[in-house]
């Protein structure tokens, strides 16, 4: 009896890879600016210069939305540090409008209200929801716990001035991306513990876990925010001699062990983002505690993808999801 020869099976490769449209848009982005060498090693000051240059380049690809009104305000944090804020309002604000307190990204060491001005104005234009953008102190001069306290102070200021600004104090959300997402998560924990109501926390690839500084060969080739960026940033944010226990948990919300009663959580992250696993774990713990949760994992998307390649279809979908979250409370 003749034995049928078994065909050799073609090995299946399941490695994650960069989305093709993001890759094309990103190459176009890089080609429109002077070359910037990827950050491999350096001081927090050098990291801040690297990230700020990326944000400067990014702004050239976003509309100014000059019709959005801007007003600058100031408040005090618990430690009496000054907290500058910028209030953005659409042309026609609704009665009893919701509002968002926004915390910018930049690895805790970089970024500013000015550098995020066009990003925030775009959210306001598309959602018709006013935003309060927070100028928190940067690390290493300001540690992660104090940055969260400054974000919390902005929440309190907005609640106290809600009537004058035409918003509903019970419809305030906290939002941030990257390091700003981590600070927003920390401020939401402070709000829960101090019995201050938040309608939602909108966390865009939040930076949550100071222990996550190990290189990943699957992600490193595709990201501008590699493990050296993250390690340098966390080293600037957390000093073991000055942050421990509760303060360390606020600086690094992944250490939180009690999720009950947190404001409803929205998380969006790409699967080529170093923060993917810690974001998944944070979402899992929140879900187990019964916290309302919306989670988006975008295939082939690196850190910051919708900021630097907004025209890519996956970025357009992610931004549309952000807008829906902003309009949901």
C-alpha atoms as a PDB file:
ATOM      1  CA  UNK A   1       0.000   0.000   0.000  1.00  0.00           C
ATOM      2  CA  UNK A   2       1.474   3.324  -1.060  1.00  0.00           C
ATOM      3  CA  UNK A   3       2.011   5.838   1.722  1.00  0.00           C
ATOM      4  CA  UNK A   4       1.015   9.376   0.872  1.00  0.00           C
ATOM      5  CA  UNK A   5       3.871  11.793   1.498  1.00  0.00           C
ATOM      6  CA  UNK A   6       2.929  14.397   4.066  1.00  0.00           C
ATOM      7  CA  UNK A   7       3.491  17.958   2.907  1.00  0.00           C
ATOM      8  CA  UNK A   8       5.754  20.086   5.018  1.00  0.00           C
ATOM      9  CA  UNK A   9       3.889  22.735   6.949  1.00  0.00           C
ATOM     10  CA  UNK A  10       4.893  26.345   6.375  1.00  0.00           C
ATOM     11  CA  UNK A  11       5.891  27.888   9.709  1.00  0.00           C
ATOM     12  CA  UNK A  12       3.387  30.475  10.937  1.00  0.00           C
ATOM     13  CA  UNK A  13       4.857  33.759  12.152  1.00  0.00           C
ATOM     14  CA  UNK A  14       2.688  35.754  14.506  1.00  0.00           C
ATOM     15  CA  UNK A  15       4.981  38.651  15.322  1.00  0.00           C
ATOM     16  CA  UNK A  16       3.246  41.975  15.690  1.00  0.00           C
ATOM     17  CA  UNK A  17       4.233  44.507  13.067  1.00  0.00           C
ATOM     18  CA  UNK A  18       3.755  48.163  12.293  1.00  0.00           C
ATOM     19  CA  UNK A  19       0.497  49.079  10.573  1.00  0.00           C
ATOM     20  CA  UNK A  20       1.284  49.877   6.928  1.00  0.00           C
ATOM     21  CA  UNK A  21      -0.678  53.144   6.814  1.00  0.00           C
ATOM     22  CA  UNK A  22       0.964  54.322  10.037  1.00  0.00           C
ATOM     23  CA  UNK A  23       4.368  53.455   8.615  1.00  0.00           C
ATOM     24  CA  UNK A  24       3.724  55.473   5.445  1.00  0.00           C
ATOM     25  CA  UNK A  25       2.335  58.427   7.402  1.00  0.00           C
ATOM     26  CA  UNK A  26       5.210  58.297   9.862  1.00  0.00           C
ATOM     27  CA  UNK A  27       7.821  58.278   7.098  1.00  0.00           C
ATOM     28  CA  UNK A  28       6.060  61.290   5.589  1.00  0.00           C
ATOM     29  CA  UNK A  29       6.138  63.001   9.001  1.00  0.00           C
ATOM     30  CA  UNK A  30       9.859  62.335   9.440  1.00  0.00           C
ATOM     31  CA  UNK A  31      10.593  63.430   5.882  1.00  0.00           C
ATOM     32  CA  UNK A  32       8.990  66.830   6.454  1.00  0.00           C
ATOM     33  CA  UNK A  33      11.353  67.780   9.306  1.00  0.00           C
ATOM     34  CA  UNK A  34      15.051  67.881  10.020  1.00  0.00           C
ATOM     35  CA  UNK A  35      16.231  64.441  11.170  1.00  0.00           C
ATOM     36  CA  UNK A  36      15.975  63.725  14.907  1.00  0.00           C
ATOM     37  CA  UNK A  37      18.147  60.940  16.261  1.00  0.00           C
ATOM     38  CA  UNK A  38      16.246  58.462  18.422  1.00  0.00           C
ATOM     39  CA  UNK A  39      16.948  58.962  22.117  1.00  0.00           C
ATOM     40  CA  UNK A  40      19.246  56.155  23.253  1.00  0.00           C
ATOM     41  CA  UNK A  41      20.844  57.525  26.402  1.00  0.00           C
ATOM     42  CA  UNK A  42      21.133  60.830  28.219  1.00  0.00           C
ATOM     43  CA  UNK A  43      20.005  63.061  31.033  1.00  0.00           C
ATOM     44  CA  UNK A  44      16.415  64.127  31.792  1.00  0.00           C
ATOM     45  CA  UNK A  45      17.282  67.531  30.311  1.00  0.00           C
ATOM     46  CA  UNK A  46      18.417  65.908  27.050  1.00  0.00           C
ATOM     47  CA  UNK A  47      15.301  63.744  27.038  1.00  0.00           C
ATOM     48  CA  UNK A  48      13.128  66.845  27.481  1.00  0.00           C
ATOM     49  CA  UNK A  49      14.854  68.512  24.519  1.00  0.00           C
ATOM     50  CA  UNK A  50      14.273  65.405  22.372  1.00  0.00           C
ATOM     51  CA  UNK A  51      10.577  65.116  23.281  1.00  0.00           C
ATOM     52  CA  UNK A  52       9.881  68.838  22.989  1.00  0.00           C
ATOM     53  CA  UNK A  53      11.351  68.867  19.483  1.00  0.00           C
ATOM     54  CA  UNK A  54       9.020  66.043  18.524  1.00  0.00           C
ATOM     55  CA  UNK A  55       6.081  68.077  19.842  1.00  0.00           C
ATOM     56  CA  UNK A  56       7.238  71.168  17.953  1.00  0.00           C
ATOM     57  CA  UNK A  57       7.353  69.122  14.755  1.00  0.00           C
ATOM     58  CA  UNK A  58       3.981  67.569  15.557  1.00  0.00           C
ATOM     59  CA  UNK A  59       2.300  70.961  15.777  1.00  0.00           C
ATOM     60  CA  UNK A  60       2.998  71.637  12.135  1.00  0.00           C
ATOM     61  CA  UNK A  61       0.534  68.869  11.270  1.00  0.00           C
ATOM     62  CA  UNK A  62      -2.374  70.110  13.403  1.00  0.00           C
ATOM     63  CA  UNK A  63      -4.726  73.048  12.697  1.00  0.00           C
ATOM     64  CA  UNK A  64      -4.593  76.045  15.041  1.00  0.00           C
ATOM     65  CA  UNK A  65      -8.392  76.188  15.499  1.00  0.00           C
ATOM     66  CA  UNK A  66      -8.170  79.909  16.234  1.00  0.00           C
ATOM     67  CA  UNK A  67     -11.942  80.080  16.702  1.00  0.00           C
ATOM     68  CA  UNK A  68     -11.596  78.172  19.997  1.00  0.00           C
ATOM     69  CA  UNK A  69     -11.440  80.695  22.842  1.00  0.00           C
ATOM     70  CA  UNK A  70      -8.511  80.474  25.242  1.00  0.00           C
ATOM     71  CA  UNK A  71      -8.172  82.016  28.727  1.00  0.00           C
ATOM     72  CA  UNK A  72      -5.280  81.558  31.162  1.00  0.00           C
ATOM     73  CA  UNK A  73      -5.860  81.037  34.879  1.00  0.00           C
ATOM     74  CA  UNK A  74      -3.825  80.062  37.919  1.00  0.00           C
ATOM     75  CA  UNK A  75      -4.418  78.206  41.178  1.00  0.00           C
ATOM     76  CA  UNK A  76      -2.417  76.741  44.063  1.00  0.00           C
ATOM     77  CA  UNK A  77      -1.704  73.092  44.793  1.00  0.00           C
ATOM     78  CA  UNK A  78      -1.664  71.641  48.311  1.00  0.00           C
ATOM     79  CA  UNK A  79       2.050  72.432  48.649  1.00  0.00           C
ATOM     80  CA  UNK A  80       1.351  76.041  47.575  1.00  0.00           C
ATOM     81  CA  UNK A  81       3.065  75.557  44.216  1.00  0.00           C
ATOM     82  CA  UNK A  82       1.586  77.606  41.376  1.00  0.00           C
ATOM     83  CA  UNK A  83      -0.488  75.715  38.820  1.00  0.00           C
ATOM     84  CA  UNK A  84      -1.082  77.524  35.535  1.00  0.00           C
ATOM     85  CA  UNK A  85      -4.059  76.426  33.434  1.00  0.00           C
ATOM     86  CA  UNK A  86      -5.571  77.263  30.064  1.00  0.00           C
ATOM     87  CA  UNK A  87      -9.340  77.159  29.563  1.00  0.00           C
ATOM     88  CA  UNK A  88     -10.566  76.277  26.062  1.00  0.00           C
ATOM     89  CA  UNK A  89     -14.183  76.853  25.077  1.00  0.00           C
ATOM     90  CA  UNK A  90     -15.996  76.097  21.810  1.00  0.00           C
ATOM     91  CA  UNK A  91     -17.882  78.778  19.949  1.00  0.00           C
ATOM     92  CA  UNK A  92     -21.245  77.669  21.380  1.00  0.00           C
ATOM     93  CA  UNK A  93     -20.930  76.069  24.806  1.00  0.00           C
ATOM     94  CA  UNK A  94     -24.026  74.122  25.879  1.00  0.00           C
ATOM     95  CA  UNK A  95     -25.836  74.894  29.139  1.00  0.00           C
ATOM     96  CA  UNK A  96     -24.627  72.709  32.013  1.00  0.00           C
ATOM     97  CA  UNK A  97     -21.855  71.523  29.727  1.00  0.00           C
ATOM     98  CA  UNK A  98     -19.458  68.733  30.677  1.00  0.00           C
ATOM     99  CA  UNK A  99     -15.764  69.657  30.869  1.00  0.00           C
ATOM    100  CA  UNK A 100     -12.401  67.913  30.770  1.00  0.00           C
ATOM    101  CA  UNK A 101      -9.269  68.548  32.829  1.00  0.00           C
ATOM    102  CA  UNK A 102      -6.425  67.642  30.458  1.00  0.00           C
ATOM    103  CA  UNK A 103      -2.887  66.570  31.449  1.00  0.00           C
ATOM    104  CA  UNK A 104      -0.290  66.667  28.670  1.00  0.00           C
ATOM    105  CA  UNK A 105       2.276  64.002  27.891  1.00  0.00           C
ATOM    106  CA  UNK A 106       6.055  64.215  27.806  1.00  0.00           C
ATOM    107  CA  UNK A 107       7.459  61.502  30.067  1.00  0.00           C
ATOM    108  CA  UNK A 108       6.909  63.730  33.127  1.00  0.00           C
ATOM    109  CA  UNK A 109       9.995  65.722  32.050  1.00  0.00           C
ATOM    110  CA  UNK A 110       8.786  67.531  28.905  1.00  0.00           C
ATOM    111  CA  UNK A 111       5.782  69.007  27.173  1.00  0.00           C
ATOM    112  CA  UNK A 112       3.703  72.045  28.079  1.00  0.00           C
ATOM    113  CA  UNK A 113       0.298  73.629  27.652  1.00  0.00           C
ATOM    114  CA  UNK A 114       1.697  75.601  24.710  1.00  0.00           C
ATOM    115  CA  UNK A 115       3.122  72.521  22.977  1.00  0.00           C
ATOM    116  CA  UNK A 116      -0.242  70.749  23.362  1.00  0.00           C
ATOM    117  CA  UNK A 117      -2.301  73.803  22.446  1.00  0.00           C
ATOM    118  CA  UNK A 118      -3.343  72.547  19.005  1.00  0.00           C
ATOM    119  CA  UNK A 119      -4.041  69.006  20.208  1.00  0.00           C
ATOM    120  CA  UNK A 120      -6.342  70.280  22.970  1.00  0.00           C
ATOM    121  CA  UNK A 121      -8.050  72.792  20.665  1.00  0.00           C
ATOM    122  CA  UNK A 122      -8.737  69.962  18.214  1.00  0.00           C
ATOM    123  CA  UNK A 123     -10.445  67.915  20.939  1.00  0.00           C
ATOM    124  CA  UNK A 124     -12.561  70.939  21.877  1.00  0.00           C
ATOM    125  CA  UNK A 125     -13.472  71.681  18.265  1.00  0.00           C
ATOM    126  CA  UNK A 126     -14.500  68.109  17.502  1.00  0.00           C
ATOM    127  CA  UNK A 127     -16.332  67.378  20.753  1.00  0.00           C
ATOM    128  CA  UNK A 128     -17.809  70.814  21.571  1.00  0.00           C
ATOM    129  CA  UNK A 129     -16.693  70.171  25.170  1.00  0.00           C
ATOM    130  CA  UNK A 130     -14.523  72.753  26.991  1.00  0.00           C
ATOM    131  CA  UNK A 131     -11.089  71.709  28.295  1.00  0.00           C
ATOM    132  CA  UNK A 132      -8.870  72.928  31.127  1.00  0.00           C
ATOM    133  CA  UNK A 133      -5.246  72.159  30.200  1.00  0.00           C
ATOM    134  CA  UNK A 134      -2.822  71.950  33.148  1.00  0.00           C
ATOM    135  CA  UNK A 135       0.772  73.229  33.271  1.00  0.00           C
ATOM    136  CA  UNK A 136       2.134  70.909  35.951  1.00  0.00           C
ATOM    137  CA  UNK A 137       5.711  71.076  37.240  1.00  0.00           C
ATOM    138  CA  UNK A 138       8.149  68.856  35.352  1.00  0.00           C
ATOM    139  CA  UNK A 139      10.500  66.237  36.773  1.00  0.00           C
ATOM    140  CA  UNK A 140      13.052  65.950  38.223  1.00  0.00           C
ATOM    141  CA  UNK A 141      12.219  69.251  39.953  1.00  0.00           C
ATOM    142  CA  UNK A 142       8.678  67.982  40.666  1.00  0.00           C
ATOM    143  CA  UNK A 143       8.067  64.358  41.588  1.00  0.00           C
ATOM    144  CA  UNK A 144       5.177  62.232  40.409  1.00  0.00           C
ATOM    145  CA  UNK A 145       3.137  62.558  43.589  1.00  0.00           C
ATOM    146  CA  UNK A 146       3.271  66.373  43.456  1.00  0.00           C
ATOM    147  CA  UNK A 147       2.370  66.361  39.747  1.00  0.00           C
ATOM    148  CA  UNK A 148      -0.770  64.402  40.634  1.00  0.00           C
ATOM    149  CA  UNK A 149      -1.569  66.909  43.388  1.00  0.00           C
ATOM    150  CA  UNK A 150      -1.299  69.752  40.873  1.00  0.00           C
ATOM    151  CA  UNK A 151      -3.696  67.947  38.525  1.00  0.00           C
ATOM    152  CA  UNK A 152      -6.063  67.410  41.450  1.00  0.00           C
ATOM    153  CA  UNK A 153      -5.857  71.123  42.313  1.00  0.00           C
ATOM    154  CA  UNK A 154      -7.017  71.896  38.760  1.00  0.00           C
ATOM    155  CA  UNK A 155     -10.031  69.601  39.274  1.00  0.00           C
ATOM    156  CA  UNK A 156     -10.943  71.455  42.477  1.00  0.00           C
ATOM    157  CA  UNK A 157     -10.506  74.862  40.791  1.00  0.00           C
ATOM    158  CA  UNK A 158     -12.774  73.828  37.933  1.00  0.00           C
ATOM    159  CA  UNK A 159     -15.451  72.564  40.321  1.00  0.00           C
ATOM    160  CA  UNK A 160     -15.314  75.775  42.356  1.00  0.00           C
ATOM    161  CA  UNK A 161     -15.624  77.917  39.214  1.00  0.00           C
ATOM    162  CA  UNK A 162     -18.111  75.722  37.380  1.00  0.00           C
ATOM    163  CA  UNK A 163     -21.021  78.152  37.669  1.00  0.00           C
ATOM    164  CA  UNK A 164     -19.024  81.094  36.369  1.00  0.00           C
ATOM    165  CA  UNK A 165     -17.671  79.034  33.470  1.00  0.00           C
ATOM    166  CA  UNK A 166     -21.064  77.622  32.534  1.00  0.00           C
ATOM    167  CA  UNK A 167     -20.349  73.955  33.198  1.00  0.00           C
ATOM    168  CA  UNK A 168     -21.808  71.248  35.431  1.00  0.00           C
ATOM    169  CA  UNK A 169     -19.406  70.397  38.271  1.00  0.00           C
ATOM    170  CA  UNK A 170     -20.744  66.840  38.322  1.00  0.00           C
ATOM    171  CA  UNK A 171     -19.816  66.354  34.653  1.00  0.00           C
ATOM    172  CA  UNK A 172     -16.058  66.852  34.912  1.00  0.00           C
ATOM    173  CA  UNK A 173     -13.653  64.216  33.569  1.00  0.00           C
ATOM    174  CA  UNK A 174      -9.879  63.888  33.834  1.00  0.00           C
ATOM    175  CA  UNK A 175      -7.926  63.057  30.658  1.00  0.00           C
ATOM    176  CA  UNK A 176      -4.300  62.694  29.663  1.00  0.00           C
ATOM    177  CA  UNK A 177      -1.944  60.925  27.317  1.00  0.00           C
ATOM    178  CA  UNK A 178       1.276  59.045  28.073  1.00  0.00           C
ATOM    179  CA  UNK A 179       2.781  60.522  31.260  1.00  0.00           C
ATOM    180  CA  UNK A 180      -0.258  62.789  31.369  1.00  0.00           C
ATOM    181  CA  UNK A 181      -2.442  59.687  31.335  1.00  0.00           C
ATOM    182  CA  UNK A 182      -0.563  58.331  34.336  1.00  0.00           C
ATOM    183  CA  UNK A 183      -0.914  61.638  36.187  1.00  0.00           C
ATOM    184  CA  UNK A 184      -4.621  61.693  35.270  1.00  0.00           C
ATOM    185  CA  UNK A 185      -5.041  58.170  36.699  1.00  0.00           C
ATOM    186  CA  UNK A 186      -3.265  59.281  39.876  1.00  0.00           C
ATOM    187  CA  UNK A 187      -5.471  62.370  40.189  1.00  0.00           C
ATOM    188  CA  UNK A 188      -8.515  60.117  39.800  1.00  0.00           C
ATOM    189  CA  UNK A 189      -7.272  58.017  42.723  1.00  0.00           C
ATOM    190  CA  UNK A 190      -6.841  61.159  44.836  1.00  0.00           C
ATOM    191  CA  UNK A 191     -10.345  62.289  43.861  1.00  0.00           C
ATOM    192  CA  UNK A 192     -11.831  58.909  44.846  1.00  0.00           C
ATOM    193  CA  UNK A 193     -10.009  58.886  48.188  1.00  0.00           C
ATOM    194  CA  UNK A 194     -11.045  62.499  48.957  1.00  0.00           C
ATOM    195  CA  UNK A 195     -14.645  61.935  47.865  1.00  0.00           C
ATOM    196  CA  UNK A 196     -14.506  64.322  44.897  1.00  0.00           C
ATOM    197  CA  UNK A 197     -16.755  63.188  42.069  1.00  0.00           C
ATOM    198  CA  UNK A 198     -15.297  62.618  38.606  1.00  0.00           C
ATOM    199  CA  UNK A 199     -17.529  61.640  35.723  1.00  0.00           C
ATOM    200  CA  UNK A 200     -14.827  59.718  33.815  1.00  0.00           C
ATOM    201  CA  UNK A 201     -11.094  59.191  33.416  1.00  0.00           C
ATOM    202  CA  UNK A 202      -9.889  59.084  29.811  1.00  0.00           C
ATOM    203  CA  UNK A 203      -6.419  57.557  29.695  1.00  0.00           C
ATOM    204  CA  UNK A 204      -4.548  57.527  26.385  1.00  0.00           C
ATOM    205  CA  UNK A 205      -1.691  54.978  26.545  1.00  0.00           C
ATOM    206  CA  UNK A 206      -1.057  56.002  30.173  1.00  0.00           C
ATOM    207  CA  UNK A 207       2.387  55.663  31.762  1.00  0.00           C
ATOM    208  CA  UNK A 208       1.559  53.762  34.948  1.00  0.00           C
ATOM    209  CA  UNK A 209       4.353  51.446  36.110  1.00  0.00           C
ATOM    210  CA  UNK A 210       7.836  52.608  37.125  1.00  0.00           C
ATOM    211  CA  UNK A 211       9.049  48.992  37.030  1.00  0.00           C
ATOM    212  CA  UNK A 212       8.507  48.736  33.266  1.00  0.00           C
ATOM    213  CA  UNK A 213      11.977  49.592  31.948  1.00  0.00           C
ATOM    214  CA  UNK A 214      13.020  46.345  30.226  1.00  0.00           C
ATOM    215  CA  UNK A 215      13.775  46.385  26.478  1.00  0.00           C
ATOM    216  CA  UNK A 216      11.260  44.583  24.242  1.00  0.00           C
ATOM    217  CA  UNK A 217      12.662  43.356  20.919  1.00  0.00           C
ATOM    218  CA  UNK A 218       9.177  43.273  19.380  1.00  0.00           C
ATOM    219  CA  UNK A 219       8.484  46.942  20.111  1.00  0.00           C
ATOM    220  CA  UNK A 220      11.835  48.739  20.227  1.00  0.00           C
ATOM    221  CA  UNK A 221      12.410  49.017  16.427  1.00  0.00           C
ATOM    222  CA  UNK A 222       9.052  50.699  15.841  1.00  0.00           C
ATOM    223  CA  UNK A 223       8.785  53.356  18.517  1.00  0.00           C
ATOM    224  CA  UNK A 224      10.144  56.821  19.210  1.00  0.00           C
ATOM    225  CA  UNK A 225       9.466  56.130  22.892  1.00  0.00           C
ATOM    226  CA  UNK A 226      11.831  53.235  23.579  1.00  0.00           C
ATOM    227  CA  UNK A 227      12.904  51.717  26.851  1.00  0.00           C
ATOM    228  CA  UNK A 228      15.720  54.259  27.337  1.00  0.00           C
ATOM    229  CA  UNK A 229      13.156  57.075  27.183  1.00  0.00           C
ATOM    230  CA  UNK A 230      10.983  55.321  29.752  1.00  0.00           C
ATOM    231  CA  UNK A 231      13.865  54.448  32.074  1.00  0.00           C
ATOM    232  CA  UNK A 232      15.307  57.965  31.968  1.00  0.00           C
ATOM    233  CA  UNK A 233      11.863  59.434  32.606  1.00  0.00           C
ATOM    234  CA  UNK A 234      11.038  57.192  35.567  1.00  0.00           C
ATOM    235  CA  UNK A 235      14.465  57.788  37.108  1.00  0.00           C
ATOM    236  CA  UNK A 236      13.637  61.504  37.031  1.00  0.00           C
ATOM    237  CA  UNK A 237      10.125  61.043  38.448  1.00  0.00           C
ATOM    238  CA  UNK A 238      10.754  58.698  41.364  1.00  0.00           C
ATOM    239  CA  UNK A 239      13.388  58.988  44.029  1.00  0.00           C
ATOM    240  CA  UNK A 240      13.250  55.976  46.382  1.00  0.00           C
ATOM    241  CA  UNK A 241      14.571  58.203  49.177  1.00  0.00           C
ATOM    242  CA  UNK A 242      11.616  60.592  48.879  1.00  0.00           C
ATOM    243  CA  UNK A 243       8.754  58.473  47.546  1.00  0.00           C
ATOM    244  CA  UNK A 244       7.507  55.334  49.231  1.00  0.00           C
ATOM    245  CA  UNK A 245       4.266  53.713  50.271  1.00  0.00           C
ATOM    246  CA  UNK A 246       1.197  55.737  49.298  1.00  0.00           C
ATOM    247  CA  UNK A 247       3.197  58.497  47.587  1.00  0.00           C
ATOM    248  CA  UNK A 248       4.994  55.962  45.399  1.00  0.00           C
ATOM    249  CA  UNK A 249       1.649  54.430  44.422  1.00  0.00           C
ATOM    250  CA  UNK A 250       0.305  57.840  43.408  1.00  0.00           C
ATOM    251  CA  UNK A 251       3.429  58.476  41.306  1.00  0.00           C
ATOM    252  CA  UNK A 252       3.072  54.999  39.752  1.00  0.00           C
ATOM    253  CA  UNK A 253      -0.642  54.051  39.759  1.00  0.00           C
ATOM    254  CA  UNK A 254       0.065  50.472  38.616  1.00  0.00           C
ATOM    255  CA  UNK A 255       0.874  49.812  42.289  1.00  0.00           C
ATOM    256  CA  UNK A 256      -2.745  50.506  43.275  1.00  0.00           C
ATOM    257  CA  UNK A 257      -4.380  47.504  44.966  1.00  0.00           C
ATOM    258  CA  UNK A 258      -7.877  48.899  45.608  1.00  0.00           C
ATOM    259  CA  UNK A 259      -9.792  49.900  42.480  1.00  0.00           C
ATOM    260  CA  UNK A 260     -13.313  50.006  43.898  1.00  0.00           C
ATOM    261  CA  UNK A 261     -15.262  53.251  43.375  1.00  0.00           C
ATOM    262  CA  UNK A 262     -12.845  54.773  40.859  1.00  0.00           C
ATOM    263  CA  UNK A 263     -14.393  56.922  38.146  1.00  0.00           C
ATOM    264  CA  UNK A 264     -15.282  54.978  34.967  1.00  0.00           C
ATOM    265  CA  UNK A 265     -12.161  54.283  32.918  1.00  0.00           C
ATOM    266  CA  UNK A 266     -11.442  54.598  29.192  1.00  0.00           C
ATOM    267  CA  UNK A 267      -8.046  53.309  28.006  1.00  0.00           C
ATOM    268  CA  UNK A 268      -6.646  53.392  24.470  1.00  0.00           C
ATOM    269  CA  UNK A 269      -3.243  51.921  23.564  1.00  0.00           C
ATOM    270  CA  UNK A 270      -1.450  50.409  20.577  1.00  0.00           C
ATOM    271  CA  UNK A 271      -0.013  46.895  20.545  1.00  0.00           C
ATOM    272  CA  UNK A 272       3.434  48.313  19.663  1.00  0.00           C
ATOM    273  CA  UNK A 273       3.454  50.456  22.801  1.00  0.00           C
ATOM    274  CA  UNK A 274       5.689  49.727  25.782  1.00  0.00           C
ATOM    275  CA  UNK A 275       2.730  50.593  28.013  1.00  0.00           C
ATOM    276  CA  UNK A 276       0.438  47.939  26.489  1.00  0.00           C
ATOM    277  CA  UNK A 277       0.928  45.269  29.164  1.00  0.00           C
ATOM    278  CA  UNK A 278       0.659  47.631  32.131  1.00  0.00           C
ATOM    279  CA  UNK A 279      -2.459  49.182  30.561  1.00  0.00           C
ATOM    280  CA  UNK A 280      -4.019  45.739  30.115  1.00  0.00           C
ATOM    281  CA  UNK A 281      -3.204  44.847  33.706  1.00  0.00           C
ATOM    282  CA  UNK A 282      -4.630  48.122  35.041  1.00  0.00           C
ATOM    283  CA  UNK A 283      -7.800  47.510  33.036  1.00  0.00           C
ATOM    284  CA  UNK A 284      -8.054  43.927  34.306  1.00  0.00           C
ATOM    285  CA  UNK A 285      -7.820  44.999  37.938  1.00  0.00           C
ATOM    286  CA  UNK A 286     -10.356  47.762  37.398  1.00  0.00           C
ATOM    287  CA  UNK A 287     -12.769  45.355  35.706  1.00  0.00           C
ATOM    288  CA  UNK A 288     -12.411  42.812  38.512  1.00  0.00           C
ATOM    289  CA  UNK A 289     -13.310  45.577  40.990  1.00  0.00           C
ATOM    290  CA  UNK A 290     -16.454  46.437  39.043  1.00  0.00           C
ATOM    291  CA  UNK A 291     -15.220  49.765  37.661  1.00  0.00           C
ATOM    292  CA  UNK A 292     -16.990  50.619  34.365  1.00  0.00           C
ATOM    293  CA  UNK A 293     -14.387  50.112  31.655  1.00  0.00           C
ATOM    294  CA  UNK A 294     -13.897  50.799  27.949  1.00  0.00           C
ATOM    295  CA  UNK A 295     -10.649  49.446  26.497  1.00  0.00           C
ATOM    296  CA  UNK A 296      -9.228  49.819  22.972  1.00  0.00           C
ATOM    297  CA  UNK A 297      -6.128  47.945  21.749  1.00  0.00           C
ATOM    298  CA  UNK A 298      -5.048  49.095  18.294  1.00  0.00           C
ATOM    299  CA  UNK A 299      -3.110  46.642  16.097  1.00  0.00           C
ATOM    300  CA  UNK A 300       0.159  47.781  14.575  1.00  0.00           C
ATOM    301  CA  UNK A 301       0.120  51.080  16.473  1.00  0.00           C
ATOM    302  CA  UNK A 302       3.124  52.478  18.399  1.00  0.00           C
ATOM    303  CA  UNK A 303       3.134  55.054  21.185  1.00  0.00           C
ATOM    304  CA  UNK A 304       1.751  58.438  20.142  1.00  0.00           C
ATOM    305  CA  UNK A 305       0.471  57.121  16.823  1.00  0.00           C
ATOM    306  CA  UNK A 306      -2.617  59.322  16.558  1.00  0.00           C
ATOM    307  CA  UNK A 307      -0.617  62.474  17.402  1.00  0.00           C
ATOM    308  CA  UNK A 308       2.123  61.950  14.816  1.00  0.00           C
ATOM    309  CA  UNK A 309       0.177  60.126  12.083  1.00  0.00           C
ATOM    310  CA  UNK A 310      -3.371  61.507  12.463  1.00  0.00           C
ATOM    311  CA  UNK A 311      -4.288  60.749   8.838  1.00  0.00           C
ATOM    312  CA  UNK A 312      -3.672  56.980   9.139  1.00  0.00           C
ATOM    313  CA  UNK A 313      -7.001  55.071   9.293  1.00  0.00           C
ATOM    314  CA  UNK A 314      -6.211  53.396  12.630  1.00  0.00           C
ATOM    315  CA  UNK A 315      -5.311  56.814  14.065  1.00  0.00           C
ATOM    316  CA  UNK A 316      -8.539  58.309  12.736  1.00  0.00           C
ATOM    317  CA  UNK A 317     -10.510  55.501  14.398  1.00  0.00           C
ATOM    318  CA  UNK A 318      -8.671  55.946  17.687  1.00  0.00           C
ATOM    319  CA  UNK A 319      -9.239  59.711  17.720  1.00  0.00           C
ATOM    320  CA  UNK A 320     -12.923  59.193  16.924  1.00  0.00           C
ATOM    321  CA  UNK A 321     -13.108  56.850  19.925  1.00  0.00           C
ATOM    322  CA  UNK A 322     -11.461  59.522  22.109  1.00  0.00           C
ATOM    323  CA  UNK A 323     -14.026  62.072  20.953  1.00  0.00           C
ATOM    324  CA  UNK A 324     -16.884  59.690  21.719  1.00  0.00           C
ATOM    325  CA  UNK A 325     -15.470  59.159  25.201  1.00  0.00           C
ATOM    326  CA  UNK A 326     -15.238  62.930  25.749  1.00  0.00           C
ATOM    327  CA  UNK A 327     -18.877  63.343  24.727  1.00  0.00           C
ATOM    328  CA  UNK A 328     -20.137  60.400  26.787  1.00  0.00           C
ATOM    329  CA  UNK A 329     -20.598  61.762  30.311  1.00  0.00           C
END
